[in-house]
Amino acid sequence: MSALRDVLMGPIYIGKGLMTTLKHVVRPATIQYPEQQKPVPPRHRGRHILHRYADGLEKCVGCELCAVACPVGCIVVEAAENTPEHRVSPGERYAKRYEINLLRCIYCGMCEEACPYDAITMGPRYDLADDHPDKFIAVKEDLLEPLSASLRDTARPSAAPSAQKEPRKW
């Protein structure tokens, strides 16, 4: 009985397999990676980004709350005082040294949650592969967003983001 059923159902199974094959021939399942990248979900936590205000000043004031909130201790922040000739951030202090060890980071987003000025966020980049462990120490210059991206920012340097009336664009 089961042998007869297998003989009769065989062509149906072959037809289902061919339909799956034809579906992927018409619509390729792969992407051309370096040129095309997969869209990431809205809450994806990728590589860190240090933001700037629209006038180019850094948002990070060196408060070290992100380093304290980090459960694995992969963030190092060294604060310094702003001087009139070396104006970096809107406050009296700025982050002279900002480093993240990306090999130790667990991409939990706690640094992003702890920052009162929205200075650090987790970006959409997921291509983090490299060939040497020293390249996974992201310094401040690597993390800072380009000035062109900060021009679209609606934040003002006068207060923390929670006190701002205008919504953020990103």
Protein backbone atom coordinates (compact mmCIF):
# COMPACT_ATOMS: atom_id res chain seq x y z
CA MET A 1 0.00 0.00 0.00
CA SER A 2 2.74 2.46 0.94
CA ALA A 3 4.79 1.47 -2.13
CA LEU A 4 1.85 2.30 -4.39
CA ARG A 5 1.36 5.61 -2.59
CA ASP A 6 5.04 6.48 -3.05
CA VAL A 7 4.83 5.72 -6.76
CA LEU A 8 1.75 7.90 -7.20
CA MET A 9 3.06 10.77 -5.03
CA GLY A 10 6.54 10.77 -6.62
CA PRO A 11 5.67 13.08 -9.54
CA ILE A 12 3.96 15.51 -7.14
CA TYR A 13 7.11 15.72 -5.00
CA ILE A 14 9.23 16.25 -8.11
CA GLY A 15 6.85 19.00 -9.27
CA LYS A 16 7.09 20.79 -5.91
CA GLY A 17 10.88 20.65 -6.05
CA LEU A 18 10.94 22.01 -9.60
CA MET A 19 8.60 24.87 -8.62
CA THR A 20 10.98 25.85 -5.81
CA THR A 21 13.91 25.78 -8.24
CA LEU A 22 12.05 27.85 -10.86
CA LYS A 23 11.00 30.38 -8.22
CA HIS A 24 14.65 31.05 -7.36
CA VAL A 25 15.71 31.15 -11.01
CA VAL A 26 13.24 33.95 -11.69
CA ARG A 27 14.01 35.79 -8.44
CA PRO A 28 17.66 35.37 -7.41
CA ALA A 29 18.23 34.71 -3.72
CA THR A 30 21.72 36.29 -3.62
CA ILE A 31 22.82 39.91 -3.74
CA GLN A 32 26.01 41.41 -5.14
CA TYR A 33 27.42 42.28 -1.69
CA PRO A 34 29.88 45.13 -2.00
CA GLU A 35 27.67 47.04 -4.44
CA GLN A 36 24.32 46.08 -2.88
CA GLN A 37 23.72 45.71 0.83
CA LYS A 38 20.83 44.14 2.66
CA PRO A 39 18.41 46.60 4.21
CA VAL A 40 18.71 46.56 7.97
CA PRO A 41 15.77 46.56 10.38
CA PRO A 42 14.96 49.93 11.98
CA ARG A 43 16.20 48.87 15.44
CA HIS A 44 19.44 47.32 14.16
CA ARG A 45 22.50 48.15 16.27
CA GLY A 46 25.57 48.35 14.08
CA ARG A 47 28.79 50.35 14.31
CA HIS A 48 28.84 53.35 16.64
CA ILE A 49 28.55 56.94 15.38
CA LEU A 50 29.60 60.07 17.27
CA HIS A 51 27.35 62.94 16.18
CA ARG A 52 27.92 66.65 15.68
CA TYR A 53 25.68 69.68 15.83
CA ALA A 54 24.74 71.49 12.61
CA ASP A 55 27.50 74.05 13.18
CA GLY A 56 30.11 71.25 13.27
CA LEU A 57 30.74 71.13 17.02
CA GLU A 58 30.88 67.69 18.60
CA LYS A 59 27.96 66.71 20.81
CA CYS A 60 30.10 64.65 23.18
CA VAL A 61 30.98 66.65 26.28
CA GLY A 62 33.16 63.94 27.82
CA CYS A 63 30.81 63.09 30.69
CA GLU A 64 31.86 59.41 30.51
CA LEU A 65 28.32 58.15 31.17
CA CYS A 66 28.59 55.84 28.15
CA ALA A 67 31.78 54.30 29.55
CA VAL A 68 30.15 53.78 32.94
CA ALA A 69 27.02 52.23 31.40
CA CYS A 70 28.97 49.82 29.20
CA PRO A 71 28.64 46.34 30.74
CA VAL A 72 31.93 45.06 29.27
CA GLY A 73 34.00 48.23 29.70
CA CYS A 74 35.03 48.61 26.07
CA ILE A 75 34.67 52.42 25.96
CA VAL A 76 37.45 54.79 27.03
CA VAL A 77 36.67 58.50 27.34
CA GLU A 78 39.20 61.11 28.39
CA ALA A 79 37.72 64.56 28.93
CA ALA A 80 39.48 67.91 28.54
CA GLU A 81 38.50 71.55 29.02
CA ASN A 82 37.45 73.68 26.06
CA THR A 83 39.57 76.73 25.37
CA PRO A 84 38.50 79.74 23.27
CA GLU A 85 40.99 78.90 20.52
CA HIS A 86 40.17 75.19 20.62
CA ARG A 87 36.36 75.14 20.69
CA VAL A 88 35.21 71.57 20.05
CA SER A 89 31.90 71.14 21.84
CA PRO A 90 29.24 73.57 23.07
CA GLY A 91 29.96 72.99 26.76
CA GLU A 92 33.00 73.62 28.90
CA ARG A 93 34.35 70.12 28.29
CA TYR A 94 34.85 67.81 25.35
CA ALA A 95 36.10 64.28 24.77
CA LYS A 96 39.79 64.58 24.04
CA ARG A 97 40.07 60.82 23.61
CA TYR A 98 37.17 58.55 22.69
CA GLU A 99 37.90 54.91 21.89
CA ILE A 100 35.75 51.81 21.57
CA ASN A 101 37.18 48.30 21.41
CA LEU A 102 34.83 46.77 18.83
CA LEU A 103 36.03 43.24 19.58
CA ARG A 104 34.87 43.50 23.19
CA CYS A 105 31.67 45.41 22.41
CA ILE A 106 28.50 43.34 22.61
CA TYR A 107 26.44 45.97 20.71
CA CYS A 108 23.86 46.18 23.46
CA GLY A 109 23.08 49.89 23.02
CA MET A 110 23.60 50.83 26.68
CA CYS A 111 26.04 53.59 25.70
CA GLU A 112 23.39 55.04 23.41
CA GLU A 113 20.78 54.95 26.19
CA ALA A 114 23.09 56.55 28.76
CA CYS A 115 24.14 59.57 26.68
CA PRO A 116 22.11 62.64 27.71
CA TYR A 117 23.10 64.60 24.57
CA ASP A 118 22.46 61.94 21.89
CA ALA A 119 26.15 62.13 21.06
CA ILE A 120 26.58 58.43 20.34
CA THR A 121 24.21 56.13 18.50
CA MET A 122 24.40 52.72 16.93
CA GLY A 123 24.46 53.10 13.16
CA PRO A 124 23.30 50.84 10.33
CA ARG A 125 26.77 49.54 9.33
CA TYR A 126 27.21 45.83 9.77
CA ASP A 127 30.32 45.24 7.65
CA LEU A 128 32.86 45.14 10.47
CA ALA A 129 35.26 42.44 9.24
CA ASP A 130 38.98 43.17 9.11
CA ASP A 131 42.26 41.30 9.11
CA HIS A 132 44.06 42.59 12.21
CA PRO A 133 42.83 43.04 15.81
CA ASP A 134 44.40 46.51 16.09
CA LYS A 135 42.00 47.80 13.45
CA PHE A 136 39.06 47.07 15.77
CA ILE A 137 39.99 49.90 18.14
CA ALA A 138 37.74 52.67 16.86
CA VAL A 139 39.12 56.10 17.77
CA LYS A 140 37.26 59.38 17.81
CA GLU A 141 38.20 60.29 14.23
CA ASP A 142 36.79 56.98 12.97
CA LEU A 143 33.56 57.37 14.90
CA LEU A 144 32.73 61.01 14.10
CA GLU A 145 30.06 61.45 11.48
CA PRO A 146 30.95 63.57 8.44
CA LEU A 147 30.08 67.24 8.63
CA SER A 148 27.64 66.91 5.70
CA ALA A 149 25.53 64.46 7.73
CA SER A 150 25.42 66.80 10.72
CA LEU A 151 24.01 69.66 8.64
CA ARG A 152 20.66 67.82 8.53
CA ASP A 153 20.53 67.73 12.32
CA THR A 154 17.88 69.83 14.04
CA ALA A 155 19.39 69.67 17.54
CA ARG A 156 20.61 72.83 19.21
CA PRO A 157 23.75 72.96 21.37
CA SER A 158 22.01 74.82 24.17
CA ALA A 159 20.29 71.86 25.88
CA ALA A 160 20.04 68.12 26.08
CA PRO A 161 17.90 66.43 23.39
CA SER A 162 15.15 65.62 25.87
CA ALA A 163 14.62 69.37 26.38
CA GLN A 164 14.38 70.22 22.68
CA LYS A 165 11.10 71.19 21.07
CA GLU A 166 12.03 70.22 17.52
CA PRO A 167 11.95 66.53 16.54
CA ARG A 168 15.08 64.80 15.32
CA LYS A 169 15.27 64.00 11.61
CA TRP A 170 17.05 60.71 11.97
